[in-house]
C-alpha cells in the first residue's frame, strides 16, 4: 500500500510538471512562431516612424530603452528601500517581535495587490503633486510594485539564519552595524533571487505604467518625459485590426521574452556563484 501511494504521488508530480512545461512551451511557441519571422534589426535599432503602429516603417527601440530605464531605476530604488527594512527586522528586532509580525503581514498584503491598483494610487499622488505622466512616474509605481517582493523574498531567507551566528558575531565584539555584514553574506543568494523576481514582474507590468509613464515615440532624456515600454507596445499593437501590426506586437513580445530569459539565466548564474562563496 505504501509503494502504491508513492507511485501515485510520483505520477501526480510528473503530471504537474508536464502541465506546467506544456503551457510554458505553448506560450513560447506561439510568440516565436508569429513574432520571430517578422522581427528584424530595423525593429530593435530604430525609433517608430510615421504610421509605425499602422504597419509603417521604423521600430520599437523607444519601448526597449524605456523598459530598461524603468526596470533599472525601480530595482535600484527598491533595493535601497528593501535592504534596510530586512536588516532592521532581522538584526534589530527580536525574533518574536509583534512589530515584526505586523510588518510582515503588511508586506504580504502589499505583495498580492494588483499592479493596476498601484498604478491608480501612484496616479493619484502624481495628480496631487502636479506631476504629469513621465519616466519618473513609471519608476515610482514600479518601485511600489516590487518593494514587497524584494522584502518578503529576502526576509524569508534572513529568518532562517541561526541565531547562534548573530550571537557569535556579538560575542566577538561586533556591533549591530557590523553584524549586518554577516547577515548580508548569508542572504546574498536571496538578494539575487528577489532581484530576479522583481525584475521579471516589473518588466512585464502594463497596467501600472499605463497610468503613470504615458507613451512616447522617443527615448526619454529626463525623468519628466514620457516613456514607452515593451508591454505597452505589445498592448497597443495587438489592439489594431491589421494582422501585420499584430505580428509586430508578437515581435516586440519576442524581444521581451528574450530579455526575461537572459535575466533568468543570468540570475541563476549569480545565485550559483553566491551560493558557492557563502560562509
Protein backbone atom coordinates (compact mmCIF):
# COMPACT_ATOMS: atom_id res chain seq x y z
CA UNK A 1 0.00 0.00 0.00
CA UNK A 2 2.86 2.36 0.85
CA UNK A 3 4.53 1.78 -2.53
CA UNK A 4 1.22 2.33 -4.33
CA UNK A 5 0.75 5.71 -2.64
CA UNK A 6 4.32 6.64 -3.51
CA UNK A 7 3.76 5.78 -7.17
CA UNK A 8 0.50 7.76 -7.27
CA UNK A 9 2.19 10.82 -5.76
CA UNK A 10 5.10 10.47 -8.18
CA UNK A 11 2.71 10.26 -11.13
CA UNK A 12 0.85 13.37 -9.92
CA UNK A 13 4.14 15.25 -9.58
CA UNK A 14 5.24 14.27 -13.09
CA UNK A 15 1.80 15.19 -14.41
CA UNK A 16 2.02 18.63 -12.76
CA UNK A 17 5.48 19.19 -14.24
CA UNK A 18 4.21 18.12 -17.65
CA UNK A 19 1.24 20.52 -17.49
CA UNK A 20 3.44 23.46 -16.49
CA UNK A 21 6.00 22.62 -19.19
CA UNK A 22 3.22 22.30 -21.79
CA UNK A 23 1.84 25.77 -21.06
CA UNK A 24 5.32 27.36 -20.99
CA UNK A 25 6.29 25.77 -24.29
CA UNK A 26 2.90 26.68 -25.80
CA UNK A 27 3.35 30.33 -24.90
CA UNK A 28 6.92 30.38 -26.23
CA UNK A 29 5.89 28.58 -29.42
CA UNK A 30 3.02 31.00 -30.10
CA UNK A 31 5.19 34.07 -29.50
CA UNK A 32 8.17 32.91 -31.54
CA UNK A 33 6.08 31.40 -34.35
CA UNK A 34 4.32 34.68 -35.06
CA UNK A 35 6.93 37.17 -33.94
CA UNK A 36 10.30 35.81 -34.97
CA UNK A 37 9.67 35.72 -38.76
CA UNK A 38 8.80 39.44 -38.81
CA UNK A 39 11.46 40.51 -36.31
CA UNK A 40 14.27 42.47 -37.92
CA UNK A 41 17.26 44.55 -36.94
CA UNK A 42 15.32 47.62 -38.04
CA UNK A 43 12.69 47.00 -35.37
CA UNK A 44 15.14 46.77 -32.47
CA UNK A 45 17.51 49.53 -33.60
CA UNK A 46 15.20 52.30 -34.83
CA UNK A 47 12.56 54.57 -33.37
CA UNK A 48 9.00 54.46 -34.72
CA UNK A 49 8.49 56.46 -37.89
CA UNK A 50 5.25 57.80 -39.33
CA UNK A 51 2.50 55.22 -39.28
CA UNK A 52 4.55 52.57 -37.47
CA UNK A 53 1.58 51.35 -35.45
CA UNK A 54 -0.38 51.05 -38.69
CA UNK A 55 2.23 48.94 -40.42
CA UNK A 56 4.67 51.70 -41.37
CA UNK A 57 8.45 51.68 -41.10
CA UNK A 58 10.63 52.03 -38.04
CA UNK A 59 10.98 50.01 -34.87
CA UNK A 60 10.35 49.96 -31.15
CA UNK A 61 13.76 50.94 -29.77
CA UNK A 62 11.95 53.53 -27.65
CA UNK A 63 10.00 50.77 -25.88
CA UNK A 64 13.12 48.68 -25.26
CA UNK A 65 15.06 51.58 -23.76
CA UNK A 66 12.03 52.78 -21.80
CA UNK A 67 11.54 49.35 -20.25
CA UNK A 68 15.20 49.12 -19.27
CA UNK A 69 15.11 52.63 -17.76
CA UNK A 70 12.03 51.90 -15.66
CA UNK A 71 13.14 48.45 -14.55
CA UNK A 72 16.70 49.56 -13.78
CA UNK A 73 15.64 52.65 -11.86
CA UNK A 74 12.92 50.91 -9.86
CA UNK A 75 15.19 47.97 -8.98
CA UNK A 76 17.91 50.26 -7.63
CA UNK A 77 15.45 52.35 -5.62
CA UNK A 78 13.62 49.22 -4.46
CA UNK A 79 16.83 47.62 -3.14
CA UNK A 80 17.76 50.84 -1.34
CA UNK A 81 14.39 50.66 0.45
CA UNK A 82 14.12 46.89 0.97
CA UNK A 83 17.59 46.06 2.31
CA UNK A 84 17.42 48.40 5.35
CA UNK A 85 13.94 47.05 6.16
CA UNK A 86 15.13 43.43 6.03
CA UNK A 87 18.19 44.19 8.16
CA UNK A 88 16.11 46.05 10.72
CA UNK A 89 13.55 43.24 11.05
CA UNK A 90 16.19 40.51 11.40
CA UNK A 91 19.02 42.24 13.30
CA UNK A 92 17.44 44.96 15.44
CA UNK A 93 14.07 43.38 16.24
CA UNK A 94 13.61 40.37 18.48
CA UNK A 95 12.66 37.10 16.70
CA UNK A 96 9.09 37.14 18.10
CA UNK A 97 8.54 40.88 17.88
CA UNK A 98 4.92 41.93 17.43
CA UNK A 99 6.03 44.86 15.30
CA UNK A 100 7.93 42.48 13.03
CA UNK A 101 4.86 40.24 12.73
CA UNK A 102 2.65 43.21 11.82
CA UNK A 103 5.21 44.46 9.29
CA UNK A 104 5.44 41.06 7.58
CA UNK A 105 1.65 40.82 7.47
CA UNK A 106 1.51 44.25 5.82
CA UNK A 107 4.10 43.30 3.21
CA UNK A 108 2.27 40.06 2.48
CA UNK A 109 -0.86 42.10 1.82
CA UNK A 110 1.00 44.52 -0.44
CA UNK A 111 2.54 41.55 -2.27
CA UNK A 112 -0.86 40.43 -3.54
CA UNK A 113 -2.27 43.80 -4.61
CA UNK A 114 -2.73 44.01 -8.42
CA UNK A 115 -0.47 46.37 -10.34
CA UNK A 116 -3.42 48.41 -11.62
CA UNK A 117 -4.21 49.38 -8.02
CA UNK A 118 -0.63 50.57 -7.57
CA UNK A 119 -0.99 52.46 -10.83
CA UNK A 120 -4.17 54.19 -9.66
CA UNK A 121 -2.58 55.05 -6.32
CA UNK A 122 0.57 56.44 -7.92
CA UNK A 123 -1.51 58.37 -10.46
CA UNK A 124 -3.49 59.96 -7.61
CA UNK A 125 -0.26 61.04 -5.92
CA UNK A 126 1.06 62.43 -9.21
CA UNK A 127 -2.12 64.44 -9.78
CA UNK A 128 -1.97 65.76 -6.22
CA UNK A 129 1.67 66.81 -6.70
CA UNK A 130 1.01 68.19 -10.17
CA UNK A 131 3.28 65.65 -11.89
CA UNK A 132 2.35 64.50 -15.37
CA UNK A 133 2.85 61.01 -16.81
CA UNK A 134 6.59 60.52 -17.15
CA UNK A 135 9.55 58.20 -16.73
CA UNK A 136 9.76 59.23 -13.09
CA UNK A 137 6.13 58.24 -12.57
CA UNK A 138 6.78 54.84 -14.15
CA UNK A 139 9.76 54.28 -11.86
CA UNK A 140 7.62 55.35 -8.87
CA UNK A 141 4.80 52.90 -9.49
CA UNK A 142 7.13 50.04 -10.40
CA UNK A 143 9.11 50.63 -7.20
CA UNK A 144 5.90 50.41 -5.19
CA UNK A 145 5.13 47.18 -7.03
CA UNK A 146 8.42 45.39 -6.40
CA UNK A 147 9.36 46.56 -2.89
CA UNK A 148 7.07 43.95 -1.20
CA UNK A 149 8.54 41.25 -3.45
CA UNK A 150 12.08 42.24 -2.52
CA UNK A 151 11.37 42.48 1.21
CA UNK A 152 9.44 39.25 1.63
CA UNK A 153 11.78 37.19 -0.57
CA UNK A 154 14.88 38.33 1.30
CA UNK A 155 13.18 38.23 4.70
CA UNK A 156 12.15 34.58 4.35
CA UNK A 157 15.81 33.63 3.91
CA UNK A 158 17.06 36.01 6.59
CA UNK A 159 14.69 34.41 9.13
CA UNK A 160 16.39 31.04 8.58
CA UNK A 161 19.79 32.34 9.70
CA UNK A 162 20.56 30.58 13.01
CA UNK A 163 20.52 32.88 15.99
CA UNK A 164 23.86 31.35 17.01
CA UNK A 165 25.55 33.12 14.07
CA UNK A 166 24.31 36.50 15.27
CA UNK A 167 25.22 35.69 18.88
CA UNK A 168 28.71 34.66 17.78
CA UNK A 169 29.14 37.96 15.99
CA UNK A 170 28.06 39.89 19.09
CA UNK A 171 30.29 37.79 21.35
CA UNK A 172 33.31 38.76 19.25
CA UNK A 173 32.57 42.41 19.97
CA UNK A 174 30.83 43.26 16.70
CA UNK A 175 28.21 45.97 16.71
CA UNK A 176 24.83 45.56 15.08
CA UNK A 177 26.02 47.56 12.09
CA UNK A 178 28.95 45.14 11.70
CA UNK A 179 26.64 42.16 12.18
CA UNK A 180 24.63 43.36 9.19
CA UNK A 181 27.66 42.40 7.08
CA UNK A 182 27.32 38.81 8.33
CA UNK A 183 23.63 38.77 7.50
CA UNK A 184 24.32 40.30 4.08
CA UNK A 185 26.74 37.49 3.26
CA UNK A 186 24.20 34.88 4.29
CA UNK A 187 21.30 36.31 2.28
CA UNK A 188 23.32 37.15 -0.85
CA UNK A 189 21.60 34.36 -2.88
CA UNK A 190 18.23 35.63 -1.66
CA UNK A 191 19.08 39.14 -2.84
CA UNK A 192 19.84 37.77 -6.30
CA UNK A 193 16.63 35.71 -6.32
CA UNK A 194 14.48 38.61 -5.10
CA UNK A 195 16.03 40.95 -7.67
CA UNK A 196 15.33 38.43 -10.42
CA UNK A 197 11.69 38.02 -9.34
CA UNK A 198 11.16 41.77 -9.09
CA UNK A 199 12.73 42.44 -12.50
CA UNK A 200 10.58 39.74 -14.07
CA UNK A 201 7.41 41.30 -12.69
CA UNK A 202 8.50 44.89 -13.32
CA UNK A 203 9.46 44.45 -16.96
CA UNK A 204 6.18 42.71 -17.75
CA UNK A 205 3.90 45.19 -15.98
CA UNK A 206 1.49 47.03 -18.23
CA UNK A 207 -1.40 48.32 -16.12
CA UNK A 208 0.68 50.37 -13.68
CA UNK A 209 2.88 52.16 -16.20
CA UNK A 210 -0.12 52.85 -18.44
CA UNK A 211 -1.35 55.30 -15.80
CA UNK A 212 1.99 56.81 -14.85
CA UNK A 213 4.62 56.54 -17.61
CA UNK A 214 2.47 57.51 -20.57
CA UNK A 215 3.78 56.62 -24.03
CA UNK A 216 6.18 58.26 -26.44
CA UNK A 217 7.79 57.53 -29.78
CA UNK A 218 11.07 58.96 -28.47
CA UNK A 219 13.67 57.87 -25.94
CA UNK A 220 13.24 59.87 -22.71
CA UNK A 221 16.16 62.08 -21.73
CA UNK A 222 14.84 63.04 -18.32
CA UNK A 223 12.57 61.84 -15.53
CA UNK A 224 9.89 64.34 -16.56
CA UNK A 225 9.49 62.94 -20.09
CA UNK A 226 7.04 60.23 -21.09
CA UNK A 227 8.43 56.74 -21.71
CA UNK A 228 7.21 53.79 -23.74
CA UNK A 229 7.59 50.19 -22.55
CA UNK A 230 7.53 46.85 -24.34
CA UNK A 231 4.30 45.61 -22.66
CA UNK A 232 2.51 48.81 -23.69
CA UNK A 233 3.88 48.47 -27.20
CA UNK A 234 2.54 44.92 -27.39
CA UNK A 235 -0.83 46.02 -25.99
CA UNK A 236 -1.33 48.91 -28.40
CA UNK A 237 -0.34 46.91 -31.48
CA UNK A 238 -2.43 43.86 -30.59
CA UNK A 239 -5.43 46.19 -30.37
CA UNK A 240 -5.06 47.01 -34.07
CA UNK A 241 -7.23 45.09 -36.56
CA UNK A 242 -4.41 44.66 -39.13
CA UNK A 243 -2.65 41.31 -38.96
CA UNK A 244 0.77 42.74 -39.87
CA UNK A 245 0.52 45.20 -36.99
CA UNK A 246 -0.41 42.34 -34.64
CA UNK A 247 2.64 40.44 -35.88
CA UNK A 248 4.75 43.46 -34.89
CA UNK A 249 3.30 43.08 -31.40
CA UNK A 250 4.48 39.48 -31.34
CA UNK A 251 7.92 40.66 -32.49
CA UNK A 252 8.03 43.01 -29.50
CA UNK A 253 6.90 40.11 -27.31
CA UNK A 254 9.82 38.04 -28.67
CA UNK A 255 12.27 40.76 -27.60
CA UNK A 256 10.61 40.99 -24.18
CA UNK A 257 10.78 37.21 -23.77
CA UNK A 258 14.45 37.11 -24.76
CA UNK A 259 15.27 39.82 -22.22
CA UNK A 260 13.44 37.87 -19.49
CA UNK A 261 15.27 34.66 -20.44
CA UNK A 262 18.63 36.42 -20.34
CA UNK A 263 17.82 37.84 -16.91
CA UNK A 264 16.66 34.42 -15.71
CA UNK A 265 19.82 32.60 -16.78
CA UNK A 266 21.96 35.46 -15.53
CA UNK A 267 20.17 35.35 -12.18
CA UNK A 268 20.70 31.60 -11.93
CA UNK A 269 24.42 32.07 -12.57
CA UNK A 270 24.66 34.80 -9.95
CA UNK A 271 22.78 32.71 -7.37
CA UNK A 272 25.07 29.75 -8.05
CA UNK A 273 28.14 31.96 -7.64
CA UNK A 274 26.92 33.43 -4.36
CA UNK A 275 25.93 30.00 -3.01
CA UNK A 276 29.44 28.64 -3.62
CA UNK A 277 31.03 31.55 -1.78
CA UNK A 278 28.58 31.85 1.09
CA UNK A 279 30.05 31.25 4.52
